[in-house]
Amino acid sequence: MIKSKVGSIKSGWKSVFMIFTAAADDETETIAEGAFENVEQ
């Protein structure tokens, strides 16, 4: 059961890191802060 979910877990993390990358590149400070606050939780 766990092995069948590995692909979806990996693809989910890829999306998360793409969002963090986009937030870090954004010039609006509140967007970057909001994205990285999710990591702290």
PDB file of N, CA and C in Angstrom:
ATOM      1  N   MET A   1       0.830  -1.196   0.000  1.00  0.00           N
ATOM      2  CA  MET A   1       0.000   0.000   0.000  1.00  0.00           C
ATOM      3  C   MET A   1       0.873   1.257   0.000  1.00  0.00           C
ATOM      4  N   ILE A   2       1.903   1.281   0.815  1.00  0.00           N
ATOM      5  CA  ILE A   2       2.773   2.460   0.884  1.00  0.00           C
ATOM      6  C   ILE A   2       3.492   2.673  -0.432  1.00  0.00           C
ATOM      7  N   LYS A   3       3.999   1.592  -1.022  1.00  0.00           N
ATOM      8  CA  LYS A   3       4.722   1.724  -2.287  1.00  0.00           C
ATOM      9  C   LYS A   3       3.826   2.275  -3.390  1.00  0.00           C
ATOM     10  N   SER A   4       2.545   1.979  -3.355  1.00  0.00           N
ATOM     11  CA  SER A   4       1.639   2.489  -4.384  1.00  0.00           C
ATOM     12  C   SER A   4       1.424   3.997  -4.260  1.00  0.00           C
ATOM     13  N   LYS A   5       1.697   4.568  -3.095  1.00  0.00           N
ATOM     14  CA  LYS A   5       1.502   6.002  -2.859  1.00  0.00           C
ATOM     15  C   LYS A   5       2.768   6.826  -3.075  1.00  0.00           C
ATOM     16  N   VAL A   6       3.907   6.177  -3.277  1.00  0.00           N
ATOM     17  CA  VAL A   6       5.178   6.895  -3.393  1.00  0.00           C
ATOM     18  C   VAL A   6       5.149   7.926  -4.512  1.00  0.00           C
ATOM     19  N   GLY A   7       4.631   7.585  -5.661  1.00  0.00           N
ATOM     20  CA  GLY A   7       4.583   8.521  -6.785  1.00  0.00           C
ATOM     21  C   GLY A   7       3.781   9.768  -6.473  1.00  0.00           C
ATOM     22  N   SER A   8       2.661   9.603  -5.811  1.00  0.00           N
ATOM     23  CA  SER A   8       1.834  10.771  -5.496  1.00  0.00           C
ATOM     24  C   SER A   8       2.467  11.628  -4.409  1.00  0.00           C
ATOM     25  N   ILE A   9       3.188  11.014  -3.477  1.00  0.00           N
ATOM     26  CA  ILE A   9       3.880  11.801  -2.449  1.00  0.00           C
ATOM     27  C   ILE A   9       4.978  12.633  -3.088  1.00  0.00           C
ATOM     28  N   LYS A  10       5.755  12.015  -3.955  1.00  0.00           N
ATOM     29  CA  LYS A  10       6.838  12.743  -4.619  1.00  0.00           C
ATOM     30  C   LYS A  10       6.286  13.888  -5.454  1.00  0.00           C
ATOM     31  N   SER A  11       5.226  13.636  -6.198  1.00  0.00           N
ATOM     32  CA  SER A  11       4.674  14.692  -7.036  1.00  0.00           C
ATOM     33  C   SER A  11       4.091  15.816  -6.183  1.00  0.00           C
ATOM     34  N   GLY A  12       3.579  15.489  -5.025  1.00  0.00           N
ATOM     35  CA  GLY A  12       3.058  16.511  -4.122  1.00  0.00           C
ATOM     36  C   GLY A  12       4.153  17.419  -3.596  1.00  0.00           C
ATOM     37  N   TRP A  13       5.288  16.840  -3.232  1.00  0.00           N
ATOM     38  CA  TRP A  13       6.414  17.639  -2.741  1.00  0.00           C
ATOM     39  C   TRP A  13       6.970  18.528  -3.843  1.00  0.00           C
ATOM     40  N   LYS A  14       6.955  18.034  -5.065  1.00  0.00           N
ATOM     41  CA  LYS A  14       7.441  18.850  -6.183  1.00  0.00           C
ATOM     42  C   LYS A  14       6.600  20.120  -6.294  1.00  0.00           C
ATOM     43  N   SER A  15       5.303  19.991  -6.162  1.00  0.00           N
ATOM     44  CA  SER A  15       4.411  21.156  -6.224  1.00  0.00           C
ATOM     45  C   SER A  15       4.681  22.131  -5.088  1.00  0.00           C
ATOM     46  N   VAL A  16       4.914  21.600  -3.892  1.00  0.00           N
ATOM     47  CA  VAL A  16       5.196  22.452  -2.735  1.00  0.00           C
ATOM     48  C   VAL A  16       6.459  23.262  -2.974  1.00  0.00           C
ATOM     49  N   PHE A  17       7.511  22.600  -3.443  1.00  0.00           N
ATOM     50  CA  PHE A  17       8.764  23.313  -3.669  1.00  0.00           C
ATOM     51  C   PHE A  17       8.668  24.296  -4.835  1.00  0.00           C
ATOM     52  N   MET A  18       7.820  24.015  -5.813  1.00  0.00           N
ATOM     53  CA  MET A  18       7.607  24.972  -6.905  1.00  0.00           C
ATOM     54  C   MET A  18       6.924  26.233  -6.375  1.00  0.00           C
ATOM     55  N   ILE A  19       5.990  26.068  -5.449  1.00  0.00           N
ATOM     56  CA  ILE A  19       5.312  27.221  -4.841  1.00  0.00           C
ATOM     57  C   ILE A  19       6.298  28.051  -4.031  1.00  0.00           C
ATOM     58  N   PHE A  20       7.152  27.379  -3.238  1.00  0.00           N
ATOM     59  CA  PHE A  20       8.155  28.100  -2.453  1.00  0.00           C
ATOM     60  C   PHE A  20       9.135  28.844  -3.348  1.00  0.00           C
ATOM     61  N   THR A  21       9.510  28.236  -4.461  1.00  0.00           N
ATOM     62  CA  THR A  21      10.426  28.890  -5.395  1.00  0.00           C
ATOM     63  C   THR A  21       9.785  30.142  -5.983  1.00  0.00           C
ATOM     64  N   ALA A  22       8.529  30.025  -6.397  1.00  0.00           N
ATOM     65  CA  ALA A  22       7.825  31.179  -6.958  1.00  0.00           C
ATOM     66  C   ALA A  22       7.666  32.284  -5.914  1.00  0.00           C
ATOM     67  N   ALA A  23       7.358  31.905  -4.675  1.00  0.00           N
ATOM     68  CA  ALA A  23       7.196  32.902  -3.611  1.00  0.00           C
ATOM     69  C   ALA A  23       8.512  33.599  -3.308  1.00  0.00           C
ATOM     70  N   ALA A  24       9.597  32.848  -3.311  1.00  0.00           N
ATOM     71  CA  ALA A  24      10.909  33.437  -3.023  1.00  0.00           C
ATOM     72  C   ALA A  24      11.333  34.403  -4.122  1.00  0.00           C
ATOM     73  N   ASP A  25      10.919  34.130  -5.358  1.00  0.00           N
ATOM     74  CA  ASP A  25      11.275  34.996  -6.483  1.00  0.00           C
ATOM     75  C   ASP A  25      10.399  36.243  -6.566  1.00  0.00           C
ATOM     76  N   ASP A  26       9.258  36.234  -5.884  1.00  0.00           N
ATOM     77  CA  ASP A  26       8.326  37.358  -5.950  1.00  0.00           C
ATOM     78  C   ASP A  26       8.889  38.561  -5.190  1.00  0.00           C
ATOM     79  N   GLU A  27       8.669  39.735  -5.733  1.00  0.00           N
ATOM     80  CA  GLU A  27       9.181  40.955  -5.108  1.00  0.00           C
ATOM     81  C   GLU A  27       8.315  41.432  -3.942  1.00  0.00           C
ATOM     82  N   THR A  28       7.091  40.916  -3.843  1.00  0.00           N
ATOM     83  CA  THR A  28       6.194  41.301  -2.764  1.00  0.00           C
ATOM     84  C   THR A  28       6.546  40.502  -1.509  1.00  0.00           C
ATOM     85  N   GLU A  29       6.982  41.208  -0.487  1.00  0.00           N
ATOM     86  CA  GLU A  29       7.473  40.543   0.723  1.00  0.00           C
ATOM     87  C   GLU A  29       6.394  39.715   1.419  1.00  0.00           C
ATOM     88  N   THR A  30       5.163  40.193   1.416  1.00  0.00           N
ATOM     89  CA  THR A  30       4.101  39.470   2.121  1.00  0.00           C
ATOM     90  C   THR A  30       3.811  38.112   1.485  1.00  0.00           C
ATOM     91  N   ILE A  31       4.007  38.004   0.183  1.00  0.00           N
ATOM     92  CA  ILE A  31       3.787  36.721  -0.485  1.00  0.00           C
ATOM     93  C   ILE A  31       4.834  35.710  -0.033  1.00  0.00           C
ATOM     94  N   ALA A  32       6.077  36.132   0.001  1.00  0.00           N
ATOM     95  CA  ALA A  32       7.152  35.242   0.452  1.00  0.00           C
ATOM     96  C   ALA A  32       6.958  34.866   1.919  1.00  0.00           C
ATOM     97  N   GLU A  33       6.603  35.827   2.743  1.00  0.00           N
ATOM     98  CA  GLU A  33       6.386  35.547   4.169  1.00  0.00           C
ATOM     99  C   GLU A  33       5.247  34.547   4.361  1.00  0.00           C
ATOM    100  N   GLY A  34       4.171  34.744   3.631  1.00  0.00           N
ATOM    101  CA  GLY A  34       3.024  33.846   3.747  1.00  0.00           C
ATOM    102  C   GLY A  34       3.348  32.425   3.335  1.00  0.00           C
ATOM    103  N   ALA A  35       4.108  32.277   2.287  1.00  0.00           N
ATOM    104  CA  ALA A  35       4.468  30.939   1.819  1.00  0.00           C
ATOM    105  C   ALA A  35       5.350  30.220   2.825  1.00  0.00           C
ATOM    106  N   PHE A  36       6.296  30.923   3.392  1.00  0.00           N
ATOM    107  CA  PHE A  36       7.236  30.276   4.297  1.00  0.00           C
ATOM    108  C   PHE A  36       6.688  30.123   5.715  1.00  0.00           C
ATOM    109  N   GLU A  37       5.613  30.843   6.052  1.00  0.00           N
ATOM    110  CA  GLU A  37       4.955  30.625   7.339  1.00  0.00           C
ATOM    111  C   GLU A  37       4.357  29.225   7.395  1.00  0.00           C
ATOM    112  N   ASN A  38       3.967  28.693   6.252  1.00  0.00           N
ATOM    113  CA  ASN A  38       3.416  27.339   6.207  1.00  0.00           C
ATOM    114  C   ASN A  38       4.445  26.302   6.632  1.00  0.00           C
ATOM    115  N   VAL A  39       5.700  26.547   6.393  1.00  0.00           N
ATOM    116  CA  VAL A  39       6.755  25.615   6.780  1.00  0.00           C
ATOM    117  C   VAL A  39       6.905  25.600   8.294  1.00  0.00           C
ATOM    118  N   GLU A  40       6.780  26.757   8.907  1.00  0.00           N
ATOM    119  CA  GLU A  40       6.936  26.867  10.354  1.00  0.00           C
ATOM    120  C   GLU A  40       5.826  26.138  11.107  1.00  0.00           C
ATOM    121  N   GLN A  41       4.669  26.011  10.496  1.00  0.00           N
ATOM    122  CA  GLN A  41       3.540  25.348  11.153  1.00  0.00           C
ATOM    123  C   GLN A  41       3.767  23.899  11.076  1.00  0.00           C
TER     124      GLN A  41
END
